[in-house]
N, C-alpha and C. Protein backbone atom coordinates (compact mmCIF):
# COMPACT_ATOMS: atom_id res chain seq x y z
N MET A 1 0.81 -1.48 -0.08
CA MET A 1 -0.15 0.09 -0.08
C MET A 1 0.80 1.19 -0.43
N SER A 2 1.81 1.06 0.68
CA SER A 2 2.82 2.73 1.24
C SER A 2 3.42 3.04 -0.23
N SER A 3 3.74 1.56 -0.86
CA SER A 3 4.71 1.51 -1.60
C SER A 3 4.30 2.34 -3.22
N GLY A 4 2.70 1.81 -3.06
CA GLY A 4 2.11 2.18 -3.96
C GLY A 4 1.65 4.35 -3.91
N ILE A 5 1.05 4.09 -2.46
CA ILE A 5 0.88 5.70 -2.59
C ILE A 5 2.68 6.57 -3.13
N PHE A 6 3.81 6.29 -2.30
CA PHE A 6 4.88 7.61 -2.62
C PHE A 6 5.70 6.50 -3.80
N ASN A 7 5.24 5.82 -5.08
CA ASN A 7 5.70 5.64 -6.00
C ASN A 7 5.39 7.11 -7.28
N PRO A 8 6.51 7.36 -7.60
CA PRO A 8 6.35 8.32 -8.35
C PRO A 8 5.54 7.85 -9.45
N GLN A 9 5.20 7.33 -10.19
CA GLN A 9 4.22 6.55 -10.97
C GLN A 9 2.95 6.60 -10.69
N ASN A 10 2.82 7.22 -9.26
CA ASN A 10 1.33 6.82 -9.17
C ASN A 10 0.16 7.90 -9.52
N ARG A 11 -0.74 8.53 -9.51
CA ARG A 11 -1.48 8.94 -10.65
C ARG A 11 -1.28 10.54 -10.19
N PHE A 12 -1.19 10.38 -8.52
CA PHE A 12 -1.25 11.72 -7.66
C PHE A 12 -0.90 12.50 -7.92
N TRP A 13 0.40 11.29 -7.80
CA TRP A 13 1.79 12.39 -7.83
C TRP A 13 2.21 13.13 -9.44
N GLN A 14 1.60 12.28 -10.24
CA GLN A 14 1.57 12.52 -11.51
C GLN A 14 0.69 13.83 -11.89
N THR A 15 -0.16 13.76 -11.35
CA THR A 15 -1.77 14.52 -11.76
C THR A 15 -0.18 16.06 -10.58
N LEU A 16 0.38 15.47 -9.60
CA LEU A 16 0.77 17.16 -9.14
C LEU A 16 1.57 17.87 -9.70
N ASP A 17 2.46 16.60 -10.28
CA ASP A 17 3.89 17.32 -11.09
C ASP A 17 3.03 18.04 -12.10
N HIS A 18 2.44 17.14 -13.26
CA HIS A 18 1.49 18.44 -14.19
C HIS A 18 1.14 19.26 -13.52
N PHE A 19 0.60 19.66 -12.62
CA PHE A 19 0.06 21.06 -12.30
C PHE A 19 1.38 21.68 -11.81
N ALA A 20 1.72 21.17 -11.25
CA ALA A 20 3.27 22.20 -10.73
C ALA A 20 4.10 22.48 -11.98
N ASP A 21 3.57 21.99 -13.44
CA ASP A 21 4.31 22.65 -14.31
C ASP A 21 3.53 23.02 -15.37
N LEU A 22 2.34 22.92 -15.01
CA LEU A 22 1.51 23.82 -15.22
C LEU A 22 1.77 25.28 -14.68
N LEU A 23 1.67 25.42 -13.39
CA LEU A 23 1.89 26.66 -12.97
C LEU A 23 2.74 27.13 -13.02
N ILE A 24 3.76 26.63 -13.19
CA ILE A 24 5.63 27.36 -13.69
C ILE A 24 5.10 28.18 -14.76
N LEU A 25 4.75 26.89 -15.21
CA LEU A 25 4.66 27.42 -17.29
C LEU A 25 3.59 28.97 -17.47
N SER A 26 3.08 28.73 -17.21
CA SER A 26 1.53 30.04 -16.30
C SER A 26 2.49 31.69 -15.84
N LEU A 27 3.21 31.20 -14.99
CA LEU A 27 4.01 32.56 -14.09
C LEU A 27 5.19 32.91 -15.85
N LEU A 28 5.26 32.25 -16.03
CA LEU A 28 6.49 31.93 -17.10
C LEU A 28 5.94 33.53 -18.52
N TRP A 29 4.97 32.40 -18.18
CA TRP A 29 4.34 33.30 -19.80
C TRP A 29 3.39 34.34 -19.46
N LEU A 30 2.88 35.01 -17.95
CA LEU A 30 2.68 36.11 -17.53
C LEU A 30 4.20 37.06 -17.45
N VAL A 31 5.08 36.87 -17.20
CA VAL A 31 6.30 37.54 -16.70
C VAL A 31 6.87 38.09 -18.72
N CYS A 32 6.47 36.78 -19.47
CA CYS A 32 8.11 36.97 -20.92
C CYS A 32 5.74 38.02 -21.15
N SER A 33 4.72 38.21 -21.20
CA SER A 33 3.62 38.48 -21.75
C SER A 33 4.07 40.19 -21.53
N LEU A 34 4.22 40.72 -20.32
CA LEU A 34 4.80 41.89 -20.00
C LEU A 34 4.65 42.67 -20.62
N PRO A 35 5.84 43.10 -21.87
CA PRO A 35 6.38 43.90 -22.93
C PRO A 35 5.06 43.73 -23.72
N LEU A 36 3.71 42.95 -23.70
CA LEU A 36 3.16 43.36 -24.68
C LEU A 36 3.58 42.55 -26.15
N VAL A 37 4.23 43.53 -26.87
CA VAL A 37 5.02 42.52 -28.07
C VAL A 37 6.00 41.29 -27.98
N THR A 38 6.22 41.29 -27.19
CA THR A 38 6.76 40.28 -26.59
C THR A 38 5.20 39.32 -26.25
N ALA A 39 4.61 38.97 -26.34
CA ALA A 39 3.39 37.73 -25.98
C ALA A 39 3.27 36.80 -26.99
N GLY A 40 2.99 37.55 -28.35
CA GLY A 40 2.99 36.36 -28.92
C GLY A 40 4.05 35.17 -29.04
N ALA A 41 5.69 35.47 -28.65
CA ALA A 41 6.53 33.67 -28.67
C ALA A 41 6.03 33.94 -27.54
N ALA A 42 5.59 34.52 -26.41
CA ALA A 42 5.73 33.78 -24.83
C ALA A 42 4.51 32.40 -25.15
N CYS A 43 2.92 33.36 -25.77
CA CYS A 43 2.58 31.60 -26.21
C CYS A 43 2.38 30.74 -26.98
N ALA A 44 3.23 31.20 -27.68
CA ALA A 44 3.99 29.68 -29.10
C ALA A 44 4.98 29.16 -28.02
N ALA A 45 5.67 29.26 -26.61
CA ALA A 45 6.29 29.16 -25.99
C ALA A 45 5.85 28.31 -25.29
N LEU A 46 4.64 28.47 -24.48
CA LEU A 46 3.64 28.29 -23.64
C LEU A 46 2.75 27.25 -24.09
N TYR A 47 2.20 26.95 -25.24
CA TYR A 47 1.84 26.18 -25.96
C TYR A 47 2.87 24.68 -26.65
N ASP A 48 3.84 25.27 -26.27
CA ASP A 48 5.26 24.31 -27.04
C ASP A 48 5.54 23.55 -25.93
N ALA A 49 5.63 24.10 -24.68
CA ALA A 49 5.82 23.22 -23.24
C ALA A 49 4.54 22.50 -22.99
N VAL A 50 3.73 22.87 -23.05
CA VAL A 50 2.50 22.53 -22.45
C VAL A 50 2.21 21.18 -23.37
N ALA A 51 2.05 21.26 -24.84
CA ALA A 51 2.09 20.11 -26.26
C ALA A 51 2.93 18.86 -25.24
N ARG A 52 4.33 19.31 -25.79
CA ARG A 52 4.99 18.54 -25.95
C ARG A 52 5.51 17.82 -24.20
N CYS A 53 5.97 19.15 -22.92
CA CYS A 53 6.32 17.89 -22.07
C CYS A 53 5.04 17.50 -21.43
N VAL A 54 4.21 18.43 -20.86
CA VAL A 54 2.88 18.55 -19.61
C VAL A 54 2.01 17.11 -20.45
N ARG A 55 1.61 17.40 -21.79
CA ARG A 55 0.64 16.56 -22.31
C ARG A 55 1.30 15.11 -22.88
N GLY A 56 3.03 15.23 -23.40
CA GLY A 56 3.74 15.01 -23.85
C GLY A 56 4.57 13.98 -23.38
N ALA A 57 6.11 13.50 -23.32
CA ALA A 57 6.62 13.23 -22.73
C ALA A 57 8.09 13.22 -22.12
N GLU A 58 8.05 14.71 -22.77
CA GLU A 58 9.75 15.17 -23.03
C GLU A 58 9.77 15.28 -21.78
N PRO A 59 10.86 15.96 -21.77
CA PRO A 59 10.99 16.73 -19.46
C PRO A 59 11.82 18.19 -19.90
N LEU A 60 11.53 19.10 -18.55
CA LEU A 60 12.04 19.99 -19.23
C LEU A 60 11.65 21.29 -19.31
N PRO A 61 9.58 21.00 -19.01
CA PRO A 61 9.22 22.25 -20.15
C PRO A 61 9.63 23.71 -19.94
N TRP A 62 10.08 23.64 -18.31
CA TRP A 62 10.28 25.58 -18.31
C TRP A 62 11.71 25.26 -19.43
N LYS A 63 12.52 24.14 -19.75
CA LYS A 63 13.57 24.42 -20.60
C LYS A 63 12.45 24.69 -22.16
N ARG A 64 12.37 23.86 -21.95
CA ARG A 64 11.36 23.60 -23.56
C ARG A 64 10.73 25.13 -24.03
N PHE A 65 10.12 26.10 -23.13
CA PHE A 65 9.68 27.24 -22.98
C PHE A 65 11.14 28.35 -23.46
N TRP A 66 11.77 28.78 -22.96
CA TRP A 66 12.79 29.58 -22.71
C TRP A 66 13.52 28.97 -24.38
N GLN A 67 13.76 28.01 -25.29
CA GLN A 67 14.06 27.78 -26.18
C GLN A 67 13.35 27.91 -27.04
N THR A 68 12.13 27.71 -27.53
CA THR A 68 11.32 28.36 -28.02
C THR A 68 10.77 29.64 -28.29
N PHE A 69 10.63 30.12 -26.92
CA PHE A 69 10.73 31.19 -26.34
C PHE A 69 11.41 32.55 -27.85
N ARG A 70 12.83 32.10 -27.03
CA ARG A 70 14.01 32.45 -27.97
C ARG A 70 14.20 32.34 -29.51
N ARG A 71 13.47 31.67 -30.29
CA ARG A 71 13.88 30.59 -31.22
C ARG A 71 12.66 31.91 -32.16
N GLU A 72 11.22 32.19 -31.39
CA GLU A 72 10.34 32.31 -32.32
C GLU A 72 10.14 33.82 -32.08
N LEU A 73 10.98 34.14 -31.02
CA LEU A 73 10.92 36.07 -30.72
C LEU A 73 10.58 36.93 -32.20
N PRO A 74 11.45 36.70 -33.09
CA PRO A 74 11.05 37.59 -34.42
C PRO A 74 10.17 37.47 -35.02
N CYS A 75 9.82 36.83 -35.56
CA CYS A 75 8.50 36.42 -35.99
C CYS A 75 7.36 36.49 -35.51
N ALA A 76 7.26 36.67 -34.10
CA ALA A 76 5.75 36.50 -32.87
C ALA A 76 6.43 38.11 -32.69
N ALA A 77 6.75 38.59 -32.73
CA ALA A 77 6.72 39.85 -32.45
C ALA A 77 6.04 40.57 -33.74
N ALA A 78 6.63 40.17 -34.87
CA ALA A 78 5.97 41.19 -35.68
C ALA A 78 4.74 40.30 -35.78
N VAL A 79 4.49 39.63 -35.61
CA VAL A 79 2.85 39.22 -35.62
C VAL A 79 1.90 39.65 -34.69
N THR A 80 2.78 39.87 -34.00
CA THR A 80 1.56 40.51 -32.63
C THR A 80 1.22 41.95 -32.73
N VAL A 81 2.22 42.92 -33.29
CA VAL A 81 2.48 43.88 -34.10
C VAL A 81 1.18 43.96 -34.87
N ALA A 82 1.52 43.74 -36.05
CA ALA A 82 0.39 43.80 -36.76
C ALA A 82 -1.52 43.50 -35.93
N TRP A 83 -1.19 42.18 -35.88
CA TRP A 83 -2.56 41.17 -35.53
C TRP A 83 -2.92 41.76 -34.98
N GLY A 84 -1.88 42.34 -33.53
CA GLY A 84 -3.28 42.57 -32.72
C GLY A 84 -3.44 44.61 -33.17
N ALA A 85 -3.16 44.90 -33.68
CA ALA A 85 -3.66 46.65 -34.06
C ALA A 85 -5.16 46.51 -34.87
N LEU A 86 -5.15 45.20 -35.83
CA LEU A 86 -6.24 44.96 -36.70
C LEU A 86 -7.12 44.29 -35.51
N LEU A 87 -7.04 44.27 -34.38
CA LEU A 87 -8.20 43.61 -33.17
C LEU A 87 -8.38 44.90 -32.47
N TRP A 88 -7.54 45.70 -32.50
CA TRP A 88 -7.41 47.11 -31.80
C TRP A 88 -8.30 46.90 -32.17
N LEU A 89 -8.07 47.73 -33.35
CA LEU A 89 -9.35 48.43 -34.70
C LEU A 89 -10.82 48.01 -34.79
N LEU A 90 -10.55 45.74 -34.04
CA LEU A 90 -12.41 45.62 -35.25
C LEU A 90 -12.46 46.38 -33.53
N ALA A 91 -11.88 46.11 -31.95
CA ALA A 91 -12.51 46.07 -31.20
C ALA A 91 -13.59 47.51 -30.90
N TRP A 92 -12.66 48.29 -31.90
CA TRP A 92 -12.96 49.83 -31.13
C TRP A 92 -14.25 50.48 -31.96
N ALA A 93 -13.80 49.23 -33.30
CA ALA A 93 -15.60 49.09 -33.99
C ALA A 93 -16.96 48.68 -33.23
N LEU A 94 -16.28 47.61 -32.67
CA LEU A 94 -17.07 47.79 -31.51
C LEU A 94 -17.78 48.42 -30.75
N ARG A 95 -16.74 48.54 -30.01
CA ARG A 95 -17.34 50.23 -28.94
C ARG A 95 -18.15 51.09 -29.56
N LEU A 96 -18.21 51.22 -31.48
CA LEU A 96 -19.41 52.26 -31.67
C LEU A 96 -20.94 51.95 -31.62
N ILE A 97 -20.09 50.99 -31.75
CA ILE A 97 -21.28 49.67 -32.35
C ILE A 97 -22.33 49.85 -31.36
N GLY A 98 -21.57 49.09 -29.85
CA GLY A 98 -22.49 49.68 -28.57
C GLY A 98 -22.87 51.23 -28.25
N ALA A 99 -22.15 51.66 -28.36
CA ALA A 99 -22.71 53.16 -28.28
C ALA A 99 -23.87 53.40 -28.65
N ALA A 100 -23.63 53.02 -30.40
CA ALA A 100 -24.80 53.50 -30.64
C ALA A 100 -26.11 52.68 -30.53
N ALA A 101 -25.76 51.57 -30.24
CA ALA A 101 -27.28 50.58 -29.17
C ALA A 101 -27.66 51.00 -28.22
N ALA A 102 -26.68 51.60 -27.18
CA ALA A 102 -26.96 52.02 -26.49
C ALA A 102 -27.70 53.61 -26.53
N ALA A 103 -27.95 54.09 -26.53
CA ALA A 103 -28.15 55.28 -27.67
C ALA A 103 -29.52 55.33 -28.20
N GLY A 104 -29.76 54.03 -28.11
CA GLY A 104 -31.38 53.94 -29.08
C GLY A 104 -31.26 52.98 -30.46
N SER A 105 -30.32 53.08 -30.78
CA SER A 105 -30.68 53.22 -33.36
C SER A 105 -31.20 51.50 -32.71
N ALA A 106 -32.19 52.19 -33.84
CA ALA A 106 -33.31 50.48 -33.73
C ALA A 106 -31.86 49.33 -34.36
N ALA A 107 -31.47 49.68 -35.21
CA ALA A 107 -30.21 48.89 -36.37
C ALA A 107 -29.35 48.12 -35.30
N ALA A 108 -28.66 48.50 -34.94
CA ALA A 108 -27.45 48.53 -34.10
C ALA A 108 -26.96 47.48 -33.67
N PRO A 109 -27.87 46.93 -32.75
CA PRO A 109 -28.21 45.61 -31.43
C PRO A 109 -28.00 44.64 -32.83
N LEU A 110 -28.66 44.59 -34.35
CA LEU A 110 -28.42 43.25 -34.58
C LEU A 110 -27.01 43.25 -35.53
N VAL A 111 -26.69 45.32 -36.02
CA VAL A 111 -25.39 44.57 -36.46
C VAL A 111 -24.35 44.37 -35.62
N LEU A 112 -24.75 44.72 -33.73
CA LEU A 112 -23.09 44.62 -33.10
C LEU A 112 -23.51 43.11 -32.86
N VAL A 113 -24.47 42.08 -32.84
CA VAL A 113 -24.72 40.69 -32.65
C VAL A 113 -24.06 39.95 -34.21
N PHE A 114 -23.94 40.55 -35.53
CA PHE A 114 -23.18 40.16 -36.35
C PHE A 114 -22.35 40.66 -36.75
N CYS A 115 -21.45 41.29 -35.72
CA CYS A 115 -20.12 41.95 -36.05
C CYS A 115 -19.64 40.87 -34.15
N LEU A 116 -20.24 40.69 -33.21
CA LEU A 116 -19.15 40.00 -32.24
C LEU A 116 -19.01 38.22 -33.17
N VAL A 117 -20.39 37.98 -33.74
CA VAL A 117 -20.09 36.34 -34.67
C VAL A 117 -18.59 36.78 -36.05
N LEU A 118 -18.47 37.97 -36.50
CA LEU A 118 -17.74 37.86 -37.22
C LEU A 118 -16.32 37.94 -36.47
N MET A 119 -16.08 38.33 -35.73
CA MET A 119 -14.96 38.78 -34.33
C MET A 119 -14.62 36.96 -34.07
N VAL A 120 -15.28 35.97 -34.40
CA VAL A 120 -14.93 34.65 -33.71
C VAL A 120 -13.47 33.82 -34.76
N LEU A 121 -13.66 34.23 -36.36
CA LEU A 121 -13.23 34.56 -37.46
C LEU A 121 -10.91 35.02 -36.99
N PRO A 122 -11.54 36.47 -36.85
CA PRO A 122 -9.40 36.82 -36.33
C PRO A 122 -9.30 36.60 -35.20
N VAL A 123 -9.82 36.88 -34.44
CA VAL A 123 -9.65 36.01 -32.92
C VAL A 123 -9.55 34.39 -32.99
N GLY A 124 -9.87 33.94 -33.56
CA GLY A 124 -9.75 32.37 -34.00
C GLY A 124 -8.24 32.44 -34.48
N ALA A 125 -8.27 32.79 -35.80
CA ALA A 125 -7.00 32.50 -36.37
C ALA A 125 -5.72 33.27 -35.39
N ALA A 126 -5.48 34.01 -34.15
CA ALA A 126 -4.80 34.62 -33.60
C ALA A 126 -3.90 33.35 -32.60
N CYS A 127 -5.60 32.52 -32.26
CA CYS A 127 -5.69 30.95 -31.38
C CYS A 127 -5.06 30.19 -32.19
N TRP A 128 -4.37 29.97 -33.35
CA TRP A 128 -4.25 28.95 -34.33
C TRP A 128 -2.88 29.56 -35.07
N MET A 129 -2.45 30.88 -34.17
CA MET A 129 -1.29 31.16 -35.47
C MET A 129 0.08 30.99 -34.31
N PHE A 130 0.14 31.57 -32.52
CA PHE A 130 1.45 31.19 -31.94
C PHE A 130 1.07 29.71 -31.89
N PRO A 131 0.09 28.85 -31.32
CA PRO A 131 1.00 27.12 -31.50
C PRO A 131 1.23 26.51 -33.17
N LEU A 132 0.73 27.33 -34.10
CA LEU A 132 1.75 26.69 -35.17
C LEU A 132 2.78 27.40 -36.08
N LEU A 133 3.02 28.84 -35.21
CA LEU A 133 4.75 29.32 -35.19
C LEU A 133 5.39 27.57 -34.19
N SER A 134 4.90 27.62 -32.92
CA SER A 134 6.14 26.41 -31.88
C SER A 134 6.17 25.66 -33.72
N ARG A 135 5.54 25.05 -34.13
CA ARG A 135 5.28 23.72 -34.52
C ARG A 135 6.08 23.80 -35.36
N PHE A 136 6.22 24.99 -35.89
CA PHE A 136 6.90 24.66 -38.11
C PHE A 136 7.20 26.60 -38.47
N THR A 137 7.96 26.28 -39.20
CA THR A 137 9.13 27.27 -39.65
C THR A 137 7.69 28.26 -40.57
N PHE A 138 7.43 29.56 -40.25
CA PHE A 138 7.15 30.46 -40.89
C PHE A 138 7.70 31.67 -40.95
N ARG A 139 7.43 32.72 -42.09
CA ARG A 139 7.76 34.03 -42.27
C ARG A 139 6.43 34.43 -41.34
N PRO A 140 6.05 36.45 -41.55
CA PRO A 140 5.45 36.78 -40.76
C PRO A 140 3.47 36.45 -41.43
N VAL A 141 3.68 36.74 -42.69
CA VAL A 141 2.55 37.05 -43.80
C VAL A 141 2.53 35.49 -43.91
N GLY A 142 3.14 34.25 -44.40
CA GLY A 142 3.15 32.83 -44.45
C GLY A 142 2.67 32.62 -43.10
N LEU A 143 1.97 33.04 -42.02
CA LEU A 143 1.94 32.64 -40.98
C LEU A 143 0.39 33.11 -40.79
N MET A 144 0.35 33.99 -40.60
CA MET A 144 -1.22 34.72 -41.23
C MET A 144 -2.24 34.00 -41.91
N LEU A 145 -1.26 34.31 -43.00
CA LEU A 145 -1.96 33.37 -44.46
C LEU A 145 -2.79 32.05 -43.94
N THR A 146 -1.80 30.99 -43.04
CA THR A 146 -2.14 29.84 -42.51
C THR A 146 -3.13 29.56 -41.63
N ALA A 147 -2.80 30.55 -40.75
CA ALA A 147 -3.47 30.99 -39.28
C ALA A 147 -5.01 31.07 -39.43
N LEU A 148 -5.53 31.48 -40.79
CA LEU A 148 -6.71 31.97 -41.10
C LEU A 148 -7.52 31.02 -41.83
N ARG A 149 -6.25 31.02 -42.84
CA ARG A 149 -6.98 28.76 -43.37
C ARG A 149 -7.59 27.88 -42.18
N LEU A 150 -6.65 27.65 -41.28
CA LEU A 150 -7.06 26.70 -40.45
C LEU A 150 -8.87 27.31 -39.71
N ALA A 151 -8.56 28.58 -39.13
CA ALA A 151 -9.55 28.88 -38.82
C ALA A 151 -10.93 28.79 -39.00
N VAL A 152 -10.51 28.86 -40.72
CA VAL A 152 -12.45 28.70 -41.60
C VAL A 152 -12.41 26.93 -41.92
N GLY A 153 -10.97 26.49 -42.31
CA GLY A 153 -11.66 25.31 -42.88
C GLY A 153 -11.64 24.09 -41.49
N CYS A 154 -10.77 24.65 -40.54
CA CYS A 154 -11.53 24.31 -39.22
C CYS A 154 -12.23 24.42 -38.40
N LEU A 155 -13.45 25.05 -38.47
CA LEU A 155 -14.08 25.88 -37.91
C LEU A 155 -14.69 25.10 -36.88
N PRO A 156 -15.09 24.40 -36.34
CA PRO A 156 -15.55 23.94 -35.59
C PRO A 156 -14.60 23.88 -34.59
N ARG A 157 -13.68 23.81 -34.84
CA ARG A 157 -11.93 24.00 -33.83
C ARG A 157 -12.01 25.05 -33.20
N THR A 158 -11.84 25.89 -34.61
CA THR A 158 -12.01 27.15 -33.97
C THR A 158 -12.65 27.87 -33.30
N VAL A 159 -14.10 27.86 -33.10
CA VAL A 159 -14.68 27.87 -32.45
C VAL A 159 -14.23 27.51 -30.65
N GLY A 160 -14.12 25.96 -30.58
CA GLY A 160 -13.78 26.05 -29.25
C GLY A 160 -12.66 26.31 -28.33
N LEU A 161 -11.60 26.57 -29.97
CA LEU A 161 -10.07 28.03 -29.13
C LEU A 161 -10.45 28.95 -28.40
N VAL A 162 -11.76 29.65 -29.59
CA VAL A 162 -12.80 30.67 -29.14
C VAL A 162 -13.05 30.88 -27.08
N ALA A 163 -13.76 29.85 -27.23
CA ALA A 163 -15.06 29.30 -26.31
C ALA A 163 -13.26 29.19 -24.60
N VAL A 164 -13.10 28.58 -25.34
CA VAL A 164 -11.43 28.24 -24.46
C VAL A 164 -10.88 29.86 -23.94
N LEU A 165 -10.68 30.88 -24.52
CA LEU A 165 -10.24 32.05 -24.26
C LEU A 165 -11.00 32.50 -23.63
N VAL A 166 -12.02 32.60 -24.15
CA VAL A 166 -13.24 34.09 -23.66
C VAL A 166 -13.51 33.15 -22.43
N ALA A 167 -13.54 32.38 -21.59
CA ALA A 167 -14.21 31.75 -20.85
C ALA A 167 -12.91 31.74 -19.68
N SER A 168 -11.88 31.68 -20.22
CA SER A 168 -10.09 32.09 -19.50
C SER A 168 -10.53 33.77 -18.90
N ALA A 169 -10.62 34.32 -19.78
CA ALA A 169 -10.94 35.47 -19.53
C ALA A 169 -11.55 35.92 -19.43
N ALA A 170 -12.80 35.40 -18.78
CA ALA A 170 -14.29 36.23 -18.03
C ALA A 170 -13.32 35.13 -17.10
N LEU A 171 -13.16 34.17 -16.43
CA LEU A 171 -13.07 33.96 -15.05
C LEU A 171 -11.94 34.72 -13.97
N VAL A 172 -10.65 34.81 -14.81
CA VAL A 172 -9.92 36.16 -15.27
C VAL A 172 -10.68 36.97 -14.14
N TRP A 173 -10.92 38.04 -15.37
CA TRP A 173 -12.10 39.43 -14.68
C TRP A 173 -12.25 39.18 -13.76
N VAL A 174 -12.48 38.34 -13.73
CA VAL A 174 -14.19 38.06 -11.90
C VAL A 174 -13.23 38.15 -11.45
N LEU A 175 -12.19 36.72 -11.52
CA LEU A 175 -11.72 36.49 -9.78
C LEU A 175 -10.06 36.85 -9.88
N LEU A 176 -9.50 37.69 -10.67
CA LEU A 176 -8.10 37.19 -10.50
C LEU A 176 -7.54 36.35 -10.78
N PHE A 177 -7.16 35.77 -9.42
CA PHE A 177 -5.53 35.20 -8.51
C PHE A 177 -6.34 33.70 -9.46
N PRO A 178 -6.68 33.12 -10.62
CA PRO A 178 -6.55 32.23 -11.72
C PRO A 178 -5.94 32.06 -13.04
N VAL A 179 -5.48 33.79 -13.02
CA VAL A 179 -4.03 34.05 -13.32
C VAL A 179 -3.35 33.20 -13.60
N VAL A 180 -2.45 33.00 -12.18
CA VAL A 180 -1.54 32.54 -12.30
C VAL A 180 -0.92 30.64 -12.70
N ILE A 181 -2.82 30.10 -12.99
CA ILE A 181 -2.45 28.99 -13.51
C ILE A 181 -3.19 28.55 -14.76
N LEU A 182 -4.36 28.88 -15.19
CA LEU A 182 -5.87 29.70 -15.91
C LEU A 182 -5.04 29.56 -17.65
N PRO A 183 -3.55 30.23 -17.80
CA PRO A 183 -2.72 30.22 -19.20
C PRO A 183 -2.60 29.08 -19.54
N GLY A 184 -1.87 27.86 -19.08
CA GLY A 184 -0.99 26.59 -18.72
C GLY A 184 -2.56 25.91 -19.01
N VAL A 185 -3.55 26.25 -18.07
CA VAL A 185 -4.19 25.00 -18.62
C VAL A 185 -5.09 25.30 -19.97
N ALA A 186 -5.59 26.22 -20.27
CA ALA A 186 -6.03 26.96 -21.63
C ALA A 186 -5.19 26.00 -22.35
N ALA A 187 -3.51 26.51 -22.48
CA ALA A 187 -2.99 25.99 -23.49
C ALA A 187 -3.19 24.37 -23.87
N TRP A 188 -3.28 23.67 -22.34
CA TRP A 188 -3.70 22.39 -22.45
C TRP A 188 -4.95 22.00 -23.05
N LEU A 189 -6.06 22.34 -22.83
CA LEU A 189 -7.07 22.61 -24.01
C LEU A 189 -6.52 22.98 -25.42
N PHE A 190 -6.04 23.57 -25.33
CA PHE A 190 -5.47 24.96 -27.72
C PHE A 190 -4.90 23.13 -27.60
N ALA A 191 -4.28 22.61 -26.76
CA ALA A 191 -3.44 21.18 -27.34
C ALA A 191 -4.32 19.57 -27.58
N ALA A 192 -5.37 19.91 -26.82
CA ALA A 192 -6.59 18.81 -26.83
C ALA A 192 -6.84 19.45 -28.19
N LEU A 193 -7.56 20.42 -28.92
CA LEU A 193 -8.23 20.85 -30.07
C LEU A 193 -7.18 20.83 -31.42
N LEU A 194 -5.74 20.72 -30.60
CA LEU A 194 -4.89 21.45 -32.08
C LEU A 194 -3.96 20.31 -32.27
N GLU A 195 -3.44 19.14 -31.63
CA GLU A 195 -2.53 18.72 -31.40
C GLU A 195 -3.00 17.27 -33.90
N PRO A 196 -4.42 17.13 -32.80
CA PRO A 196 -4.91 16.15 -34.16
C PRO A 196 -4.88 16.58 -35.36
N VAL A 197 -5.09 18.22 -35.57
CA VAL A 197 -4.51 19.00 -36.98
C VAL A 197 -2.84 18.74 -37.38
N PHE A 198 -2.47 18.80 -36.11
CA PHE A 198 -0.82 19.05 -36.54
C PHE A 198 -0.04 17.56 -37.35
N ARG A 199 -1.01 16.79 -36.14
CA ARG A 199 0.01 15.89 -36.77
C ARG A 199 -0.66 15.03 -37.92
N ARG A 200 -1.40 16.23 -38.70
CA ARG A 200 -1.34 15.50 -40.42
C ARG A 200 -0.18 16.16 -40.73
N TYR A 201 0.72 16.88 -40.58
CA TYR A 201 1.78 18.04 -41.06
C TYR A 201 2.95 17.66 -40.58
N GLN A 202 3.16 16.85 -39.63
CA GLN A 202 4.19 16.74 -39.20
C GLN A 202 3.99 14.95 -38.18
N PRO A 203 5.51 14.72 -37.95
CA PRO A 203 5.99 13.52 -37.24
C PRO A 203 5.86 13.86 -36.31
N GLU A 204 5.65 12.87 -35.56
CA GLU A 204 5.54 12.93 -33.47
C GLU A 204 6.40 12.93 -33.45
N GLY A 205 7.22 14.14 -32.79
CA GLY A 205 8.53 14.30 -32.66
C GLY A 205 10.12 15.37 -32.89
N ALA A 206 8.77 15.20 -34.79
CA ALA A 206 9.29 15.94 -35.15
C ALA A 206 9.93 17.28 -34.86
N GLY A 207 10.79 18.03 -35.92
CA GLY A 207 11.36 19.74 -34.80
C GLY A 207 10.08 20.30 -35.60
N PRO A 208 10.61 21.65 -35.78
CA PRO A 208 9.77 22.84 -36.72
C PRO A 208 10.76 22.37 -38.08
N GLN A 209 9.33 23.07 -39.06
CA GLN A 209 9.10 22.73 -40.64
C GLN A 209 8.05 23.66 -41.14
N GLU A 210 8.23 23.35 -42.44
CA GLU A 210 6.85 24.66 -42.74
C GLU A 210 5.63 22.79 -43.34
N PRO A 211 4.47 23.32 -42.82
CA PRO A 211 3.41 22.57 -43.19
C PRO A 211 3.91 22.76 -45.39
N GLU A 212 2.38 21.88 -45.43
CA GLU A 212 2.91 21.22 -46.90
C GLU A 212 1.26 22.49 -46.98
N ASP A 213 0.44 23.03 -46.47
CA ASP A 213 -0.25 23.95 -47.17
C ASP A 213 0.26 25.29 -46.72
N ASP A 214 1.43 25.69 -46.70
CA ASP A 214 2.34 27.12 -45.84
C ASP A 214 1.47 28.05 -47.09
N GLY A 215 1.65 27.96 -48.31
CA GLY A 215 1.35 28.40 -49.63
C GLY A 215 2.56 29.62 -50.50
N GLU A 216 4.10 29.85 -48.90
CA GLU A 216 4.63 30.50 -49.41
C GLU A 216 6.03 30.36 -50.73
């Protein structure tokens, strides 16, 4: 009985180990995302470490995080600035429509709902981008185009990604303290949705490479 409890392969200890890894990786993500322009590289590093080390069998997830972060920073920073500016403009437009709806415009509520539905695509593409970058080699334009194609072509998975992102953001907004663990949990859920797609283009355990449908 005691040998089973203290066996490091025991499910309890494995779960506790995974929880500790997710906590450490989430804190690393928070620190590396603070300059904002580096947030994309932090997302790529978090996803890669969670998918390969926490869900997979590779050791030293924090070391994997730093390797991926440094490798993908140049491309990720460019994409973060470009896509961040686009999402900011869309959010600004939604704010104007929401103000019109609050002022009593009859058509504004319908337009607002329509725009919120349309936001699923650019936000969903952002959810694809940095996991893609962690797994394949891209230039910024090729990364954005491939993410858009996959967001449309795998729409149910994209909706799932957006749902995870929105639920995580809402939970942090209300309670705040889950921010120390939720980034890692969200990456774990992202990997459950994305890894079956990535396996179509990449053998298990392979390094970064160009996917077949990059189109460059």
